[in-house]
Amino acid sequence: MAIYIDPPTWPGHGRMWSHLVSDTSFEELHSFAAALGAPRRAFERDHYDLPEERYADAVHAGAVEIGSKELVRLLTAAGLRRPKHRPGPAAAGR
């Protein structure tokens, strides 16, 4: 029952980005992200993309700092991983 963040090492749009995830639910993740002021459009399948300048804010708000590989392992173990090449749970049932 925690929110996790990996280091801002992912380049895109002239910035560096972190991934913010929950090990419990997307509802928990959306609530945490909203409290940070992250827009819903920053949510991508199973995580929020958070710019480098917001990293310290997320940690201060309670996000646990972990490495990128551990973040993926946690997300997968929680059953919340939604890779790009696979449909989400709703689409898989069709």
C-alpha atoms as a PDB file:
ATOM      1  CA  MET A   1       0.000   0.000   0.000  1.00  0.00           C
ATOM      2  CA  ALA A   2       2.355   2.621  -1.235  1.00  0.00           C
ATOM      3  CA  ILE A   3       3.161   4.916  -4.098  1.00  0.00           C
ATOM      4  CA  TYR A   4       6.549   4.466  -5.765  1.00  0.00           C
ATOM      5  CA  ILE A   5       8.661   6.643  -8.031  1.00  0.00           C
ATOM      6  CA  ASP A   6      11.738   5.835 -10.083  1.00  0.00           C
ATOM      7  CA  PRO A   7      14.555   8.319 -10.787  1.00  0.00           C
ATOM      8  CA  PRO A   8      14.005  10.910 -13.518  1.00  0.00           C
ATOM      9  CA  THR A   9      16.123   9.153 -16.138  1.00  0.00           C
ATOM     10  CA  TRP A  10      13.611   8.875 -18.984  1.00  0.00           C
ATOM     11  CA  PRO A  11      14.078  11.510 -21.711  1.00  0.00           C
ATOM     12  CA  GLY A  12      11.193  13.002 -23.626  1.00  0.00           C
ATOM     13  CA  HIS A  13      10.083  16.373 -24.966  1.00  0.00           C
ATOM     14  CA  GLY A  14      13.321  18.029 -23.871  1.00  0.00           C
ATOM     15  CA  ARG A  15      12.915  16.928 -20.240  1.00  0.00           C
ATOM     16  CA  MET A  16      13.705  14.008 -17.971  1.00  0.00           C
ATOM     17  CA  TRP A  17      10.824  11.994 -16.489  1.00  0.00           C
ATOM     18  CA  SER A  18      10.022   9.637 -13.627  1.00  0.00           C
ATOM     19  CA  HIS A  19       7.281   7.036 -13.390  1.00  0.00           C
ATOM     20  CA  LEU A  20       4.828   7.147 -10.503  1.00  0.00           C
ATOM     21  CA  VAL A  21       2.987   3.901  -9.655  1.00  0.00           C
ATOM     22  CA  SER A  22       0.862   2.255  -6.965  1.00  0.00           C
ATOM     23  CA  ASP A  23       1.242  -1.272  -5.666  1.00  0.00           C
ATOM     24  CA  THR A  24      -2.431  -1.327  -4.652  1.00  0.00           C
ATOM     25  CA  SER A  25      -4.772   0.275  -7.178  1.00  0.00           C
ATOM     26  CA  PHE A  26      -5.160   2.850  -9.890  1.00  0.00           C
ATOM     27  CA  GLU A  27      -7.597   4.714  -7.617  1.00  0.00           C
ATOM     28  CA  GLU A  28      -4.818   5.173  -5.040  1.00  0.00           C
ATOM     29  CA  LEU A  29      -2.458   6.322  -7.785  1.00  0.00           C
ATOM     30  CA  HIS A  30      -4.961   8.792  -9.273  1.00  0.00           C
ATOM     31  CA  SER A  31      -5.673  10.233  -5.827  1.00  0.00           C
ATOM     32  CA  PHE A  32      -1.971  10.713  -5.045  1.00  0.00           C
ATOM     33  CA  ALA A  33      -1.279  12.243  -8.448  1.00  0.00           C
ATOM     34  CA  ALA A  34      -4.239  14.614  -8.126  1.00  0.00           C
ATOM     35  CA  ALA A  35      -2.980  15.768  -4.719  1.00  0.00           C
ATOM     36  CA  LEU A  36       0.363  16.554  -6.391  1.00  0.00           C
ATOM     37  CA  GLY A  37      -1.414  18.517  -9.103  1.00  0.00           C
ATOM     38  CA  ALA A  38      -0.445  16.076 -11.851  1.00  0.00           C
ATOM     39  CA  PRO A  39      -2.909  16.244 -14.748  1.00  0.00           C
ATOM     40  CA  ARG A  40      -4.859  13.093 -15.601  1.00  0.00           C
ATOM     41  CA  ARG A  41      -3.407  13.249 -19.122  1.00  0.00           C
ATOM     42  CA  ALA A  42      -0.032  12.337 -17.531  1.00  0.00           C
ATOM     43  CA  PHE A  43      -1.450   8.856 -16.797  1.00  0.00           C
ATOM     44  CA  GLU A  44      -0.231   6.301 -19.334  1.00  0.00           C
ATOM     45  CA  ARG A  45      -1.727   2.797 -19.041  1.00  0.00           C
ATOM     46  CA  ASP A  46      -0.321   1.949 -15.585  1.00  0.00           C
ATOM     47  CA  HIS A  47       1.727   4.930 -14.398  1.00  0.00           C
ATOM     48  CA  TYR A  48       1.990   8.688 -14.326  1.00  0.00           C
ATOM     49  CA  ASP A  49       4.848  10.397 -16.131  1.00  0.00           C
ATOM     50  CA  LEU A  50       6.201  12.997 -13.749  1.00  0.00           C
ATOM     51  CA  PRO A  51       8.758  15.613 -14.856  1.00  0.00           C
ATOM     52  CA  GLU A  52      12.092  15.818 -13.066  1.00  0.00           C
ATOM     53  CA  GLU A  53      11.210  19.090 -11.370  1.00  0.00           C
ATOM     54  CA  ARG A  54       8.254  17.390  -9.587  1.00  0.00           C
ATOM     55  CA  TYR A  55      10.305  14.425  -8.303  1.00  0.00           C
ATOM     56  CA  ALA A  56      11.129  16.017  -4.918  1.00  0.00           C
ATOM     57  CA  ASP A  57       7.465  17.035  -4.479  1.00  0.00           C
ATOM     58  CA  ALA A  58       6.358  13.423  -4.952  1.00  0.00           C
ATOM     59  CA  VAL A  59       8.948  12.116  -2.496  1.00  0.00           C
ATOM     60  CA  HIS A  60       8.018  14.797   0.034  1.00  0.00           C
ATOM     61  CA  ALA A  61       4.350  13.761  -0.342  1.00  0.00           C
ATOM     62  CA  GLY A  62       5.267  10.151   0.497  1.00  0.00           C
ATOM     63  CA  ALA A  63       6.303   8.419  -2.728  1.00  0.00           C
ATOM     64  CA  VAL A  64       8.948   5.765  -2.087  1.00  0.00           C
ATOM     65  CA  GLU A  65      12.093   6.092  -4.199  1.00  0.00           C
ATOM     66  CA  ILE A  66      13.023   2.852  -5.998  1.00  0.00           C
ATOM     67  CA  GLY A  67      14.917   1.832  -9.114  1.00  0.00           C
ATOM     68  CA  SER A  68      13.180   1.419 -12.455  1.00  0.00           C
ATOM     69  CA  LYS A  69      13.561  -2.370 -12.564  1.00  0.00           C
ATOM     70  CA  GLU A  70      12.142  -2.729  -9.054  1.00  0.00           C
ATOM     71  CA  LEU A  71       9.257  -0.439 -10.011  1.00  0.00           C
ATOM     72  CA  VAL A  72       8.319  -2.739 -12.909  1.00  0.00           C
ATOM     73  CA  ARG A  73       8.605  -5.817 -10.666  1.00  0.00           C
ATOM     74  CA  LEU A  74       6.333  -4.216  -8.068  1.00  0.00           C
ATOM     75  CA  LEU A  75       3.777  -3.166 -10.652  1.00  0.00           C
ATOM     76  CA  THR A  76       3.760  -6.642 -12.190  1.00  0.00           C
ATOM     77  CA  ALA A  77       3.459  -8.394  -8.803  1.00  0.00           C
ATOM     78  CA  ALA A  78       0.483  -6.160  -7.966  1.00  0.00           C
ATOM     79  CA  GLY A  79      -1.250  -7.222 -11.192  1.00  0.00           C
ATOM     80  CA  LEU A  80      -1.352  -3.625 -12.415  1.00  0.00           C
ATOM     81  CA  ARG A  81       1.220  -3.793 -15.241  1.00  0.00           C
ATOM     82  CA  ARG A  82      -0.219  -2.834 -18.640  1.00  0.00           C
ATOM     83  CA  PRO A  83       2.550  -3.010 -21.287  1.00  0.00           C
ATOM     84  CA  LYS A  84       2.084  -1.106 -24.550  1.00  0.00           C
ATOM     85  CA  HIS A  85       1.857  -4.229 -26.668  1.00  0.00           C
ATOM     86  CA  ARG A  86      -0.964  -5.784 -24.606  1.00  0.00           C
ATOM     87  CA  PRO A  87      -4.535  -4.570 -24.156  1.00  0.00           C
ATOM     88  CA  GLY A  88      -5.723  -3.454 -20.739  1.00  0.00           C
ATOM     89  CA  PRO A  89      -8.003  -5.705 -18.649  1.00  0.00           C
ATOM     90  CA  ALA A  90     -11.227  -4.286 -20.142  1.00  0.00           C
ATOM     91  CA  ALA A  91     -10.087  -4.818 -23.724  1.00  0.00           C
ATOM     92  CA  ALA A  92      -8.754  -8.304 -23.009  1.00  0.00           C
ATOM     93  CA  GLY A  93     -12.213  -9.560 -22.105  1.00  0.00           C
ATOM     94  CA  ARG A  94     -13.763  -8.595 -25.449  1.00  0.00           C
END
